[in-house]
N, C-alpha and C. Protein backbone atom coordinates (compact mmCIF):
# COMPACT_ATOMS: atom_id res chain seq x y z
N MET A 1 47.28 40.20 -10.07
CA MET A 1 47.67 39.52 -11.29
C MET A 1 49.10 39.94 -11.64
N ASN A 2 49.94 38.98 -11.94
CA ASN A 2 51.30 39.26 -12.38
C ASN A 2 51.30 39.51 -13.88
N VAL A 3 52.00 40.57 -14.30
CA VAL A 3 51.99 41.02 -15.68
C VAL A 3 53.42 41.07 -16.21
N LEU A 4 53.60 40.67 -17.47
CA LEU A 4 54.88 40.78 -18.16
C LEU A 4 54.71 41.71 -19.34
N LEU A 5 55.56 42.72 -19.42
CA LEU A 5 55.56 43.65 -20.54
C LEU A 5 56.79 43.39 -21.37
N LEU A 6 56.59 43.01 -22.63
CA LEU A 6 57.70 42.76 -23.54
C LEU A 6 58.05 44.04 -24.28
N GLY A 7 59.35 44.33 -24.40
CA GLY A 7 59.80 45.47 -25.18
C GLY A 7 60.56 46.47 -24.35
N SER A 8 61.20 47.43 -25.07
CA SER A 8 62.08 48.35 -24.37
C SER A 8 62.05 49.78 -24.92
N GLY A 9 61.07 50.13 -25.68
CA GLY A 9 61.03 51.47 -26.26
C GLY A 9 60.11 52.42 -25.53
N GLY A 10 59.85 53.55 -26.18
CA GLY A 10 58.98 54.56 -25.60
C GLY A 10 57.55 54.07 -25.42
N ARG A 11 57.07 53.28 -26.36
CA ARG A 11 55.72 52.71 -26.25
C ARG A 11 55.61 51.86 -25.00
N GLU A 12 56.64 51.06 -24.75
CA GLU A 12 56.62 50.18 -23.58
C GLU A 12 56.74 50.99 -22.28
N HIS A 13 57.46 52.11 -22.34
CA HIS A 13 57.54 52.98 -21.17
C HIS A 13 56.15 53.50 -20.80
N ALA A 14 55.39 53.94 -21.80
CA ALA A 14 54.03 54.43 -21.56
C ALA A 14 53.14 53.30 -21.05
N LEU A 15 53.28 52.12 -21.62
CA LEU A 15 52.49 50.97 -21.16
C LEU A 15 52.85 50.61 -19.72
N ALA A 16 54.14 50.63 -19.39
CA ALA A 16 54.57 50.30 -18.02
C ALA A 16 53.99 51.30 -17.02
N TRP A 17 54.03 52.57 -17.39
CA TRP A 17 53.47 53.60 -16.51
C TRP A 17 52.00 53.32 -16.23
N ARG A 18 51.24 53.02 -17.28
CA ARG A 18 49.80 52.79 -17.11
C ARG A 18 49.53 51.48 -16.38
N LEU A 19 50.24 50.42 -16.75
CA LEU A 19 50.04 49.13 -16.08
C LEU A 19 50.40 49.21 -14.59
N SER A 20 51.34 50.06 -14.24
CA SER A 20 51.73 50.17 -12.83
C SER A 20 50.60 50.73 -11.98
N LYS A 21 49.63 51.37 -12.61
CA LYS A 21 48.49 51.95 -11.90
C LYS A 21 47.25 51.05 -11.90
N ALA A 22 47.32 49.91 -12.57
CA ALA A 22 46.17 49.01 -12.66
C ALA A 22 45.85 48.41 -11.29
N PRO A 23 44.60 48.44 -10.88
CA PRO A 23 44.25 47.97 -9.54
C PRO A 23 44.42 46.46 -9.34
N LEU A 24 44.32 45.65 -10.38
CA LEU A 24 44.45 44.21 -10.22
C LEU A 24 45.88 43.71 -10.35
N ARG A 25 46.80 44.59 -10.70
CA ARG A 25 48.19 44.19 -10.91
C ARG A 25 48.88 44.00 -9.56
N ARG A 26 49.50 42.83 -9.41
CA ARG A 26 50.30 42.58 -8.21
C ARG A 26 51.77 42.86 -8.48
N ALA A 27 52.28 42.36 -9.60
CA ALA A 27 53.69 42.56 -9.96
C ALA A 27 53.78 42.84 -11.45
N LEU A 28 54.65 43.77 -11.80
CA LEU A 28 54.90 44.10 -13.20
C LEU A 28 56.35 43.77 -13.50
N HIS A 29 56.55 42.88 -14.46
CA HIS A 29 57.89 42.50 -14.91
C HIS A 29 58.06 43.03 -16.32
N ARG A 30 59.27 43.48 -16.65
CA ARG A 30 59.53 43.99 -17.99
C ARG A 30 60.82 43.41 -18.52
N THR A 31 60.91 43.33 -19.84
CA THR A 31 62.14 42.86 -20.47
C THR A 31 62.95 44.05 -20.95
N ARG A 32 64.20 44.12 -20.53
CA ARG A 32 65.18 45.08 -21.04
C ARG A 32 64.69 46.52 -21.15
N ASN A 33 64.24 47.11 -20.10
CA ASN A 33 63.78 48.49 -20.18
C ASN A 33 64.25 49.26 -18.95
N ALA A 34 65.47 49.72 -19.00
CA ALA A 34 66.05 50.42 -17.85
C ALA A 34 65.30 51.70 -17.51
N GLY A 35 64.65 52.31 -18.48
CA GLY A 35 63.94 53.55 -18.25
C GLY A 35 62.68 53.41 -17.42
N THR A 36 62.24 52.20 -17.18
CA THR A 36 61.00 51.99 -16.44
C THR A 36 61.23 51.27 -15.11
N ALA A 37 62.41 51.35 -14.56
CA ALA A 37 62.72 50.65 -13.30
C ALA A 37 61.79 51.07 -12.17
N ALA A 38 61.25 52.26 -12.22
CA ALA A 38 60.35 52.73 -11.17
C ALA A 38 59.01 52.01 -11.19
N TYR A 39 58.69 51.34 -12.28
CA TYR A 39 57.37 50.74 -12.44
C TYR A 39 57.33 49.24 -12.19
N GLY A 40 58.42 48.62 -11.88
CA GLY A 40 58.40 47.18 -11.64
C GLY A 40 59.79 46.58 -11.73
N THR A 41 59.85 45.31 -12.08
CA THR A 41 61.10 44.56 -12.11
C THR A 41 61.57 44.38 -13.55
N ASN A 42 62.81 44.80 -13.82
CA ASN A 42 63.42 44.56 -15.13
C ASN A 42 64.05 43.18 -15.14
N LEU A 43 63.84 42.45 -16.23
CA LEU A 43 64.40 41.11 -16.38
C LEU A 43 65.19 41.05 -17.68
N ALA A 44 66.33 40.40 -17.65
CA ALA A 44 67.21 40.32 -18.82
C ALA A 44 66.78 39.17 -19.73
N VAL A 45 65.71 39.39 -20.46
CA VAL A 45 65.20 38.39 -21.39
C VAL A 45 64.94 39.07 -22.73
N ASP A 46 65.38 38.44 -23.79
CA ASP A 46 65.11 38.94 -25.14
C ASP A 46 63.65 38.62 -25.48
N PRO A 47 62.84 39.61 -25.85
CA PRO A 47 61.43 39.36 -26.17
C PRO A 47 61.23 38.39 -27.33
N ASN A 48 62.28 38.18 -28.13
CA ASN A 48 62.17 37.24 -29.25
C ASN A 48 62.68 35.85 -28.91
N ASP A 49 63.15 35.64 -27.71
CA ASP A 49 63.57 34.31 -27.24
C ASP A 49 62.36 33.68 -26.57
N PHE A 50 61.53 33.04 -27.36
CA PHE A 50 60.24 32.56 -26.88
C PHE A 50 60.37 31.51 -25.79
N ASP A 51 61.38 30.66 -25.86
CA ASP A 51 61.56 29.66 -24.80
C ASP A 51 61.85 30.33 -23.46
N ALA A 52 62.71 31.35 -23.48
CA ALA A 52 63.03 32.07 -22.25
C ALA A 52 61.82 32.85 -21.73
N VAL A 53 61.06 33.46 -22.64
CA VAL A 53 59.87 34.20 -22.23
C VAL A 53 58.84 33.25 -21.62
N ARG A 54 58.64 32.12 -22.26
CA ARG A 54 57.67 31.13 -21.73
C ARG A 54 58.09 30.65 -20.35
N GLN A 55 59.38 30.37 -20.16
CA GLN A 55 59.86 29.93 -18.86
C GLN A 55 59.68 31.03 -17.81
N LEU A 56 59.91 32.26 -18.20
CA LEU A 56 59.71 33.40 -17.31
C LEU A 56 58.25 33.50 -16.88
N VAL A 57 57.35 33.30 -17.82
CA VAL A 57 55.92 33.32 -17.52
C VAL A 57 55.56 32.23 -16.52
N LEU A 58 56.07 31.04 -16.73
CA LEU A 58 55.77 29.93 -15.83
C LEU A 58 56.40 30.14 -14.45
N ASP A 59 57.65 30.58 -14.41
CA ASP A 59 58.36 30.76 -13.14
C ASP A 59 57.76 31.85 -12.26
N ASN A 60 57.18 32.88 -12.88
CA ASN A 60 56.67 34.03 -12.14
C ASN A 60 55.15 34.09 -12.07
N ASN A 61 54.48 33.01 -12.44
CA ASN A 61 53.02 32.94 -12.39
C ASN A 61 52.38 34.14 -13.07
N ILE A 62 52.87 34.45 -14.26
CA ILE A 62 52.37 35.60 -15.01
C ILE A 62 51.08 35.21 -15.73
N ARG A 63 50.05 36.02 -15.57
CA ARG A 63 48.74 35.74 -16.14
C ARG A 63 48.43 36.61 -17.35
N LEU A 64 49.19 37.69 -17.54
CA LEU A 64 48.95 38.59 -18.67
C LEU A 64 50.29 39.01 -19.26
N VAL A 65 50.44 38.83 -20.57
CA VAL A 65 51.64 39.29 -21.28
C VAL A 65 51.20 40.38 -22.24
N VAL A 66 51.83 41.56 -22.12
CA VAL A 66 51.55 42.68 -23.00
C VAL A 66 52.78 42.84 -23.89
N CYS A 67 52.56 42.77 -25.19
CA CYS A 67 53.65 42.84 -26.14
C CYS A 67 53.64 44.21 -26.81
N GLY A 68 54.67 45.01 -26.56
CA GLY A 68 54.78 46.33 -27.15
C GLY A 68 55.25 46.30 -28.59
N PRO A 69 56.39 45.65 -28.87
CA PRO A 69 56.90 45.67 -30.24
C PRO A 69 56.17 44.68 -31.14
N GLU A 70 56.20 44.95 -32.43
CA GLU A 70 55.52 44.09 -33.40
C GLU A 70 56.28 42.79 -33.67
N GLU A 71 57.60 42.84 -33.61
CA GLU A 71 58.40 41.68 -34.03
C GLU A 71 58.03 40.38 -33.31
N PRO A 72 57.94 40.36 -31.97
CA PRO A 72 57.55 39.09 -31.33
C PRO A 72 56.17 38.60 -31.77
N LEU A 73 55.26 39.53 -32.04
CA LEU A 73 53.93 39.13 -32.50
C LEU A 73 54.00 38.50 -33.89
N VAL A 74 54.75 39.13 -34.78
CA VAL A 74 54.90 38.62 -36.14
C VAL A 74 55.58 37.26 -36.13
N ARG A 75 56.52 37.07 -35.21
CA ARG A 75 57.26 35.81 -35.14
C ARG A 75 56.49 34.69 -34.44
N GLY A 76 55.31 35.00 -33.88
CA GLY A 76 54.47 33.93 -33.32
C GLY A 76 54.39 33.84 -31.82
N ALA A 77 54.68 34.89 -31.09
CA ALA A 77 54.65 34.85 -29.63
C ALA A 77 53.27 34.49 -29.09
N THR A 78 52.23 34.94 -29.77
CA THR A 78 50.87 34.69 -29.29
C THR A 78 50.58 33.19 -29.21
N GLY A 79 50.92 32.47 -30.25
CA GLY A 79 50.68 31.03 -30.28
C GLY A 79 51.48 30.27 -29.23
N LEU A 80 52.68 30.72 -28.97
CA LEU A 80 53.53 30.06 -28.00
C LEU A 80 53.02 30.24 -26.59
N LEU A 81 52.40 31.39 -26.30
CA LEU A 81 52.00 31.70 -24.94
C LEU A 81 50.56 31.35 -24.60
N GLN A 82 49.79 30.92 -25.57
CA GLN A 82 48.39 30.58 -25.29
C GLN A 82 48.31 29.35 -24.40
N TYR A 83 47.44 29.44 -23.39
CA TYR A 83 47.21 28.29 -22.51
C TYR A 83 46.26 27.34 -23.19
N ARG A 84 46.51 26.09 -23.00
CA ARG A 84 45.64 25.07 -23.60
C ARG A 84 44.96 24.29 -22.50
């Protein structure tokens, strides 16, 4: 399963470390987190740019998005990314 981790702080570093060990994970992509380069692919996408995040999800066949920071959630990222 391809996974996208949104965010760039210490919380996201811990999440990236743990997600990198998940047995079902095929690829781990992260937004703007240079400190976690050992755990997957860093992508230059702003977590609050929902159009860019959605396109990234579609282009990389991402099946799970983990959102570390609160701001994208408060701004409505969940509704934008739900499959219909």
